[in-house]
Amino acid sequence: MPLKKIYLKSKPECKVTFKISAEQAGHADQVKLIGEFNDWATDVSPMRKLKSGDFTQTINLAANQQYAFRYLINDTDWQNDWQADEYVPNELTFDENSVVNV
């Protein structure tokens, strides 16, 4: 499922719902949404785990921006979003980061 985006009429923001599937999360106890919107801080609250095993979180982001992000599974394993809008190089890990365009 692509990232769900709802643009607010009252201000230049977009409610973005991030979701990582149970398949991608594996047997995760917790998943955290980490990215430019929280300065890559890893001490954030975990995403909500659904009965299906998927994890989800909705946050408001300033419109007309793009944000790199990744999922941190069990505080050890970094995963990209398979449904991200695009990907950009990560110079620290020589890997890629997911990107959401709002």
N, C-alpha and C. Protein backbone atom coordinates (compact mmCIF):
# COMPACT_ATOMS: atom_id res chain seq x y z
N MET A 1 0.85 -1.18 0.00
CA MET A 1 0.00 0.00 0.00
C MET A 1 0.89 1.24 0.00
N PRO A 2 0.69 2.13 -0.97
CA PRO A 2 1.49 3.36 -0.99
C PRO A 2 1.25 4.20 0.27
N LEU A 3 2.15 5.11 0.53
CA LEU A 3 1.99 6.00 1.67
C LEU A 3 0.69 6.78 1.50
N LYS A 4 -0.12 6.81 2.55
CA LYS A 4 -1.41 7.51 2.49
C LYS A 4 -1.19 8.96 2.88
N LYS A 5 -1.66 9.88 2.03
CA LYS A 5 -1.46 11.31 2.26
C LYS A 5 -2.79 12.04 2.21
N ILE A 6 -3.05 12.84 3.25
CA ILE A 6 -4.24 13.68 3.28
C ILE A 6 -3.78 15.11 3.55
N TYR A 7 -3.99 15.97 2.56
CA TYR A 7 -3.57 17.37 2.70
C TYR A 7 -4.62 18.15 3.49
N LEU A 8 -4.15 18.93 4.46
CA LEU A 8 -5.05 19.71 5.29
C LEU A 8 -5.45 21.00 4.55
N LYS A 9 -6.71 21.37 4.67
CA LYS A 9 -7.18 22.60 4.03
C LYS A 9 -6.87 23.82 4.89
N SER A 10 -6.73 23.62 6.20
CA SER A 10 -6.56 24.74 7.13
C SER A 10 -5.13 25.26 7.21
N LYS A 11 -4.14 24.43 6.84
CA LYS A 11 -2.74 24.85 6.88
C LYS A 11 -1.93 24.02 5.89
N PRO A 12 -0.73 24.50 5.54
CA PRO A 12 0.08 23.80 4.53
C PRO A 12 0.78 22.56 5.10
N GLU A 13 -0.02 21.60 5.50
CA GLU A 13 0.50 20.36 6.05
C GLU A 13 -0.20 19.17 5.40
N CYS A 14 0.45 18.03 5.55
CA CYS A 14 -0.10 16.79 5.03
C CYS A 14 0.00 15.73 6.12
N LYS A 15 -1.12 15.03 6.37
CA LYS A 15 -1.12 13.89 7.28
C LYS A 15 -0.65 12.69 6.47
N VAL A 16 0.49 12.14 6.85
CA VAL A 16 1.04 11.00 6.13
C VAL A 16 0.98 9.77 7.03
N THR A 17 0.38 8.71 6.51
CA THR A 17 0.32 7.45 7.24
C THR A 17 1.36 6.51 6.66
N PHE A 18 2.33 6.15 7.50
CA PHE A 18 3.38 5.21 7.15
C PHE A 18 2.95 3.84 7.61
N LYS A 19 3.27 2.82 6.82
CA LYS A 19 2.88 1.46 7.18
C LYS A 19 3.94 0.49 6.67
N ILE A 20 4.40 -0.36 7.56
CA ILE A 20 5.33 -1.42 7.16
C ILE A 20 4.60 -2.75 7.39
N SER A 21 4.64 -3.59 6.38
CA SER A 21 3.88 -4.84 6.44
C SER A 21 4.51 -5.84 7.40
N ALA A 22 3.68 -6.76 7.87
CA ALA A 22 4.16 -7.83 8.74
C ALA A 22 5.25 -8.62 8.02
N GLU A 23 5.09 -8.80 6.73
CA GLU A 23 6.09 -9.53 5.94
C GLU A 23 7.44 -8.84 6.01
N GLN A 24 7.45 -7.53 5.80
CA GLN A 24 8.71 -6.79 5.82
C GLN A 24 9.26 -6.65 7.24
N ALA A 25 8.39 -6.52 8.22
CA ALA A 25 8.82 -6.35 9.60
C ALA A 25 9.31 -7.66 10.22
N GLY A 26 8.96 -8.78 9.59
CA GLY A 26 9.37 -10.08 10.14
C GLY A 26 8.67 -10.33 11.46
N HIS A 27 9.40 -10.81 12.42
CA HIS A 27 8.82 -11.09 13.74
C HIS A 27 9.17 -9.96 14.71
N ALA A 28 9.03 -8.75 14.25
CA ALA A 28 9.41 -7.57 15.03
C ALA A 28 8.54 -7.41 16.26
N ASP A 29 9.20 -7.04 17.36
CA ASP A 29 8.46 -6.65 18.57
C ASP A 29 8.10 -5.18 18.49
N GLN A 30 8.97 -4.39 17.85
CA GLN A 30 8.69 -2.97 17.69
C GLN A 30 9.36 -2.45 16.42
N VAL A 31 8.74 -1.40 15.87
CA VAL A 31 9.29 -0.70 14.71
C VAL A 31 9.18 0.78 15.00
N LYS A 32 10.25 1.52 14.67
CA LYS A 32 10.24 2.97 14.85
C LYS A 32 10.39 3.64 13.49
N LEU A 33 9.68 4.74 13.32
CA LEU A 33 9.76 5.56 12.12
C LEU A 33 10.80 6.64 12.37
N ILE A 34 11.91 6.60 11.63
CA ILE A 34 13.03 7.50 11.85
C ILE A 34 13.31 8.25 10.55
N GLY A 35 13.54 9.58 10.64
CA GLY A 35 13.83 10.31 9.42
C GLY A 35 14.20 11.76 9.65
N GLU A 36 14.25 12.48 8.55
CA GLU A 36 14.61 13.90 8.62
C GLU A 36 13.61 14.70 9.46
N PHE A 37 12.37 14.26 9.49
CA PHE A 37 11.33 14.98 10.24
C PHE A 37 11.53 14.90 11.75
N ASN A 38 12.38 13.97 12.24
CA ASN A 38 12.69 13.92 13.67
C ASN A 38 14.20 13.91 13.90
N ASP A 39 14.94 14.48 12.95
CA ASP A 39 16.41 14.58 13.03
C ASP A 39 17.07 13.22 13.24
N TRP A 40 16.47 12.17 12.67
CA TRP A 40 17.02 10.82 12.73
C TRP A 40 17.19 10.33 14.17
N ALA A 41 16.39 10.85 15.10
CA ALA A 41 16.45 10.42 16.50
C ALA A 41 15.89 9.00 16.63
N THR A 42 16.62 8.14 17.30
CA THR A 42 16.18 6.75 17.45
C THR A 42 15.43 6.50 18.75
N ASP A 43 15.31 7.53 19.60
CA ASP A 43 14.63 7.36 20.88
C ASP A 43 13.17 7.81 20.82
N VAL A 44 12.55 7.64 19.66
CA VAL A 44 11.15 8.03 19.47
C VAL A 44 10.21 6.89 19.88
N SER A 45 8.96 7.21 20.05
CA SER A 45 7.95 6.19 20.37
C SER A 45 7.79 5.24 19.20
N PRO A 46 7.60 3.95 19.48
CA PRO A 46 7.43 2.99 18.39
C PRO A 46 6.09 3.17 17.66
N MET A 47 6.05 2.63 16.47
CA MET A 47 4.82 2.63 15.68
C MET A 47 3.81 1.69 16.34
N ARG A 48 2.55 1.86 15.98
CA ARG A 48 1.49 1.02 16.54
C ARG A 48 1.43 -0.30 15.76
N LYS A 49 1.43 -1.40 16.51
CA LYS A 49 1.34 -2.72 15.87
C LYS A 49 -0.12 -3.12 15.73
N LEU A 50 -0.50 -3.49 14.52
CA LEU A 50 -1.88 -3.91 14.23
C LEU A 50 -2.02 -5.41 14.44
N LYS A 51 -3.25 -5.88 14.56
CA LYS A 51 -3.51 -7.32 14.74
C LYS A 51 -2.93 -8.13 13.59
N SER A 52 -2.87 -7.54 12.41
CA SER A 52 -2.34 -8.23 11.23
C SER A 52 -0.83 -8.43 11.30
N GLY A 53 -0.18 -7.72 12.26
CA GLY A 53 1.28 -7.77 12.34
C GLY A 53 1.94 -6.60 11.64
N ASP A 54 1.14 -5.81 10.89
CA ASP A 54 1.65 -4.59 10.28
C ASP A 54 1.89 -3.55 11.37
N PHE A 55 2.73 -2.58 11.07
CA PHE A 55 2.97 -1.45 11.97
C PHE A 55 2.58 -0.17 11.23
N THR A 56 1.98 0.79 11.95
CA THR A 56 1.53 2.03 11.31
C THR A 56 1.75 3.23 12.23
N GLN A 57 1.93 4.39 11.60
CA GLN A 57 2.04 5.65 12.33
C GLN A 57 1.66 6.78 11.38
N THR A 58 0.91 7.74 11.89
CA THR A 58 0.51 8.92 11.11
C THR A 58 1.15 10.15 11.73
N ILE A 59 1.80 10.96 10.89
CA ILE A 59 2.40 12.21 11.36
C ILE A 59 2.06 13.33 10.38
N ASN A 60 2.06 14.56 10.88
CA ASN A 60 1.85 15.73 10.04
C ASN A 60 3.20 16.24 9.56
N LEU A 61 3.30 16.49 8.26
CA LEU A 61 4.52 17.01 7.67
C LEU A 61 4.20 18.27 6.88
N ALA A 62 5.14 19.21 6.87
CA ALA A 62 4.97 20.43 6.08
C ALA A 62 4.86 20.06 4.61
N ALA A 63 3.90 20.69 3.93
CA ALA A 63 3.68 20.40 2.50
C ALA A 63 4.80 20.99 1.65
N ASN A 64 4.88 20.52 0.42
CA ASN A 64 5.86 20.97 -0.57
C ASN A 64 7.29 20.70 -0.13
N GLN A 65 7.48 19.57 0.53
CA GLN A 65 8.80 19.16 1.00
C GLN A 65 9.01 17.69 0.64
N GLN A 66 10.24 17.25 0.79
CA GLN A 66 10.51 15.82 0.71
C GLN A 66 11.35 15.44 1.93
N TYR A 67 11.09 14.25 2.44
CA TYR A 67 11.71 13.79 3.68
C TYR A 67 12.26 12.38 3.48
N ALA A 68 13.54 12.20 3.80
CA ALA A 68 14.14 10.86 3.81
C ALA A 68 13.77 10.19 5.13
N PHE A 69 13.57 8.88 5.08
CA PHE A 69 13.21 8.13 6.28
C PHE A 69 13.53 6.66 6.11
N ARG A 70 13.54 5.95 7.23
CA ARG A 70 13.69 4.49 7.25
C ARG A 70 12.96 3.96 8.47
N TYR A 71 12.76 2.65 8.49
CA TYR A 71 12.17 1.99 9.65
C TYR A 71 13.28 1.29 10.42
N LEU A 72 13.25 1.40 11.75
CA LEU A 72 14.21 0.73 12.62
C LEU A 72 13.48 -0.38 13.36
N ILE A 73 13.84 -1.61 13.03
CA ILE A 73 13.15 -2.78 13.57
C ILE A 73 13.93 -3.33 14.76
N ASN A 74 13.25 -3.43 15.89
CA ASN A 74 13.85 -3.95 17.13
C ASN A 74 15.17 -3.26 17.49
N ASP A 75 15.29 -1.99 17.14
CA ASP A 75 16.47 -1.17 17.44
C ASP A 75 17.77 -1.70 16.83
N THR A 76 17.66 -2.61 15.85
CA THR A 76 18.88 -3.16 15.26
C THR A 76 18.89 -3.20 13.74
N ASP A 77 17.75 -3.37 13.10
CA ASP A 77 17.69 -3.62 11.67
C ASP A 77 16.99 -2.47 10.94
N TRP A 78 17.69 -1.84 10.02
CA TRP A 78 17.11 -0.74 9.24
C TRP A 78 16.46 -1.30 7.98
N GLN A 79 15.24 -0.83 7.69
CA GLN A 79 14.52 -1.24 6.49
C GLN A 79 13.98 -0.02 5.76
N ASN A 80 13.94 -0.10 4.44
CA ASN A 80 13.30 0.93 3.65
C ASN A 80 11.83 0.60 3.47
N ASP A 81 11.08 1.57 3.02
CA ASP A 81 9.66 1.37 2.71
C ASP A 81 9.55 0.92 1.26
N TRP A 82 8.98 -0.25 1.02
CA TRP A 82 8.87 -0.78 -0.33
C TRP A 82 7.95 0.07 -1.21
N GLN A 83 7.13 0.91 -0.59
CA GLN A 83 6.17 1.74 -1.33
C GLN A 83 6.54 3.23 -1.30
N ALA A 84 7.77 3.55 -0.99
CA ALA A 84 8.20 4.96 -0.90
C ALA A 84 8.05 5.65 -2.25
N ASP A 85 7.98 6.99 -2.20
CA ASP A 85 7.85 7.77 -3.44
C ASP A 85 9.13 7.69 -4.27
N GLU A 86 10.27 7.63 -3.61
CA GLU A 86 11.56 7.49 -4.29
C GLU A 86 12.61 7.11 -3.26
N TYR A 87 13.84 6.99 -3.72
CA TYR A 87 14.96 6.62 -2.84
C TYR A 87 16.13 7.54 -3.11
N VAL A 88 16.91 7.83 -2.07
CA VAL A 88 18.11 8.66 -2.22
C VAL A 88 19.28 7.94 -1.55
N PRO A 89 20.50 8.18 -2.03
CA PRO A 89 21.67 7.54 -1.42
C PRO A 89 21.85 7.95 0.04
N ASN A 90 22.30 7.02 0.84
CA ASN A 90 22.66 7.26 2.23
C ASN A 90 24.18 7.17 2.30
N GLU A 91 24.84 8.32 2.47
CA GLU A 91 26.30 8.35 2.43
C GLU A 91 26.94 7.63 3.61
N LEU A 92 26.22 7.50 4.71
CA LEU A 92 26.80 6.84 5.90
C LEU A 92 26.89 5.33 5.74
N THR A 93 25.90 4.73 5.11
CA THR A 93 25.85 3.27 5.02
C THR A 93 26.05 2.76 3.60
N PHE A 94 26.18 3.66 2.64
CA PHE A 94 26.29 3.29 1.22
C PHE A 94 25.08 2.49 0.78
N ASP A 95 23.96 2.76 1.43
CA ASP A 95 22.69 2.12 1.14
C ASP A 95 21.77 3.22 0.59
N GLU A 96 20.47 3.02 0.69
CA GLU A 96 19.53 4.05 0.28
C GLU A 96 18.54 4.34 1.40
N ASN A 97 17.99 5.55 1.38
CA ASN A 97 16.91 5.94 2.28
C ASN A 97 15.64 6.05 1.46
N SER A 98 14.51 5.75 2.08
CA SER A 98 13.21 5.98 1.47
C SER A 98 12.93 7.47 1.50
N VAL A 99 12.08 7.92 0.58
CA VAL A 99 11.69 9.33 0.53
C VAL A 99 10.18 9.43 0.38
N VAL A 100 9.59 10.36 1.14
CA VAL A 100 8.18 10.71 0.97
C VAL A 100 8.13 12.14 0.46
N ASN A 101 7.39 12.37 -0.61
CA ASN A 101 7.19 13.70 -1.16
C ASN A 101 5.80 14.18 -0.76
N VAL A 102 5.73 15.34 -0.10
CA VAL A 102 4.42 15.88 0.30
C VAL A 102 4.24 17.30 -0.22
